Structures are given as structure tokens and as C-alpha cells.
């Protein structure tokens, strides 16, 4: 059981279909804060990485297609952290998350400087 499911929350929609899914997708966007907050939504990259690892590696998903992870932008700004780091604080997380497809949108910083450090396709 995932940490989210243990908390009584659900991150999965059950369409009622039985058998192995054709695809397994995880999408995220608007990620700005590395550290967790003190109230919901607590967030933070370690909490999110735990969820990614669960859906990627848990025996419950053995024999199913590999998880495809999509990121649709807004990690480098705007946030308090990015005003200081110019978005560099997010690069290690984005690399660790194992994102398969990313759409990086940058409008305030030199995105080309950050992309060269990011391993996401």
C-alpha cells in the first residue's frame, strides 16, 4: 500500500477494467519547493520521490508496463527559492525523479543554463 493510500487518500482511478493496463502514467507539474511544508499540502521532493518510487518499483506493479513519468513545466520558477537559486535547487530533484518526458517552460531565467544540468529528455 502506498503512503497516500495508507493515509486514506487515493491517487489512482479504477475504471473497472480487469487485467494488465496498456500504459502506466505519472504526471506532475508546478514543483517549486524542495523542503516539505508544515501543513497540507506538505509536499517536498522527498515525499514526492517516495510516491514515484512506489509506483515504479512496488511488487504490486510487477508484470505491468514500466511507469512513464511526465513533467509539464514550472519547476525552476516562480518560488522564493528560485529567486535566490535561479532554479538550480530543482535540478537534482528533476534528475532523480527519473522523468521520461519533460516540457520545460522558462520565462524569467536563462533556461538554457539549467537544461544543460538536467538529464530529463
Protein backbone atom coordinates (compact mmCIF):
# COMPACT_ATOMS: atom_id res chain seq x y z
CA UNK A 1 0.00 0.00 0.00
CA UNK A 2 1.36 3.42 -0.94
CA UNK A 3 1.89 6.19 1.63
CA UNK A 4 -1.04 8.04 0.04
CA UNK A 5 -3.31 5.00 0.31
CA UNK A 6 -2.23 4.47 3.93
CA UNK A 7 -3.41 7.99 4.67
CA UNK A 8 -6.84 7.12 3.26
CA UNK A 9 -6.32 9.07 0.06
CA UNK A 10 -6.39 7.80 -3.50
CA UNK A 11 -4.17 8.69 -6.41
CA UNK A 12 -5.49 6.04 -8.76
CA UNK A 13 -8.70 5.92 -10.76
CA UNK A 14 -10.18 2.44 -11.14
CA UNK A 15 -12.10 2.18 -14.40
CA UNK A 16 -13.31 -1.31 -13.53
CA UNK A 17 -11.30 -2.93 -16.29
CA UNK A 18 -9.50 -6.10 -15.28
CA UNK A 19 -6.12 -7.30 -16.44
CA UNK A 20 -2.84 -5.58 -17.09
CA UNK A 21 -3.02 -1.92 -18.15
CA UNK A 22 -1.66 -0.90 -21.53
CA UNK A 23 0.16 2.10 -20.05
CA UNK A 24 1.09 3.38 -16.61
CA UNK A 25 1.50 7.15 -16.45
CA UNK A 26 2.53 9.56 -13.73
CA UNK A 27 2.25 13.28 -14.47
CA UNK A 28 3.46 16.18 -12.37
CA UNK A 29 3.95 19.91 -12.76
CA UNK A 30 4.34 23.12 -10.76
CA UNK A 31 7.04 21.76 -8.46
CA UNK A 32 8.91 24.52 -6.66
CA UNK A 33 9.78 23.51 -3.11
CA UNK A 34 12.43 21.00 -2.11
CA UNK A 35 11.62 21.05 1.60
CA UNK A 36 8.30 19.86 2.99
CA UNK A 37 5.88 22.37 4.48
CA UNK A 38 4.36 22.16 7.94
CA UNK A 39 0.72 21.88 6.82
CA UNK A 40 -1.10 20.23 3.92
CA UNK A 41 -0.25 20.25 1.19
CA UNK A 42 3.02 19.25 2.88
CA UNK A 43 4.76 18.37 -0.36
CA UNK A 44 8.50 18.48 -0.67
CA UNK A 45 10.60 16.48 -3.07
CA UNK A 46 11.39 13.57 -0.69
CA UNK A 47 7.68 12.89 -0.23
CA UNK A 48 7.05 13.01 -3.97
CA UNK A 49 10.08 10.81 -4.70
CA UNK A 50 8.69 8.19 -2.28
CA UNK A 51 5.49 8.11 -4.31
CA UNK A 52 7.38 7.89 -7.63
CA UNK A 53 9.49 5.02 -6.29
CA UNK A 54 6.38 3.20 -5.06
CA UNK A 55 4.65 3.33 -8.44
CA UNK A 56 7.88 2.47 -10.25
CA UNK A 57 9.15 -0.39 -8.07
CA UNK A 58 6.47 -1.89 -5.82
CA UNK A 59 5.80 -5.63 -6.36
CA UNK A 60 2.12 -4.77 -6.80
CA UNK A 61 3.02 -3.49 -10.28
CA UNK A 62 5.23 -6.43 -11.31
CA UNK A 63 4.40 -7.69 -14.78
CA UNK A 64 2.89 -4.35 -15.79
CA UNK A 65 4.30 -1.86 -18.28
CA UNK A 66 7.05 0.38 -16.95
CA UNK A 67 5.88 3.64 -15.42
CA UNK A 68 6.17 6.59 -17.80
CA UNK A 69 6.78 9.81 -15.92
CA UNK A 70 5.76 13.13 -17.49
CA UNK A 71 6.64 16.61 -16.29
CA UNK A 72 4.83 19.54 -17.86
CA UNK A 73 6.75 22.52 -16.62
CA UNK A 74 7.17 25.10 -13.92
CA UNK A 75 9.88 23.80 -11.64
CA UNK A 76 12.50 26.49 -11.94
CA UNK A 77 10.31 29.46 -11.04
CA UNK A 78 8.35 31.18 -9.54
CA UNK A 79 9.16 30.50 -5.90
CA UNK A 80 11.07 32.08 -3.06
CA UNK A 81 13.82 29.50 -3.52
CA UNK A 82 14.13 30.19 -7.26
CA UNK A 83 14.53 33.91 -6.65
CA UNK A 84 17.75 33.01 -4.84
CA UNK A 85 18.96 29.93 -6.74
CA UNK A 86 17.66 30.91 -10.19
CA UNK A 87 16.06 27.47 -10.34
CA UNK A 88 19.19 25.41 -9.71
CA UNK A 89 17.73 24.00 -6.49
CA UNK A 90 15.30 21.88 -8.56
CA UNK A 91 17.79 20.29 -10.98
CA UNK A 92 18.92 17.46 -8.63
CA UNK A 93 15.31 16.51 -7.92
CA UNK A 94 14.31 16.54 -11.58
CA UNK A 95 17.27 14.28 -12.39
CA UNK A 96 16.49 11.91 -9.50
CA UNK A 97 12.77 11.68 -10.31
CA UNK A 98 13.57 9.75 -13.49
CA UNK A 99 11.33 11.82 -15.72
CA UNK A 100 10.81 10.25 -19.14
CA UNK A 101 9.32 13.28 -20.90
CA UNK A 102 9.63 16.92 -19.85
CA UNK A 103 8.29 20.17 -21.20
CA UNK A 104 10.43 22.84 -19.62
CA UNK A 105 8.96 26.32 -19.70
CA UNK A 106 11.07 29.25 -18.68
CA UNK A 107 10.17 32.86 -18.88
CA UNK A 108 12.22 34.62 -16.24
CA UNK A 109 15.57 32.85 -16.13
CA UNK A 110 18.02 31.61 -18.72
CA UNK A 111 16.50 28.15 -19.09
CA UNK A 112 19.33 27.04 -21.37
CA UNK A 113 21.68 27.33 -18.38
CA UNK A 114 19.51 24.92 -16.34
CA UNK A 115 18.70 22.48 -19.12
CA UNK A 116 22.36 21.58 -19.58
CA UNK A 117 22.37 20.21 -16.00
CA UNK A 118 19.09 18.32 -16.35
CA UNK A 119 19.12 14.72 -17.60
CA UNK A 120 15.40 14.55 -18.48
CA UNK A 121 14.67 14.12 -22.19
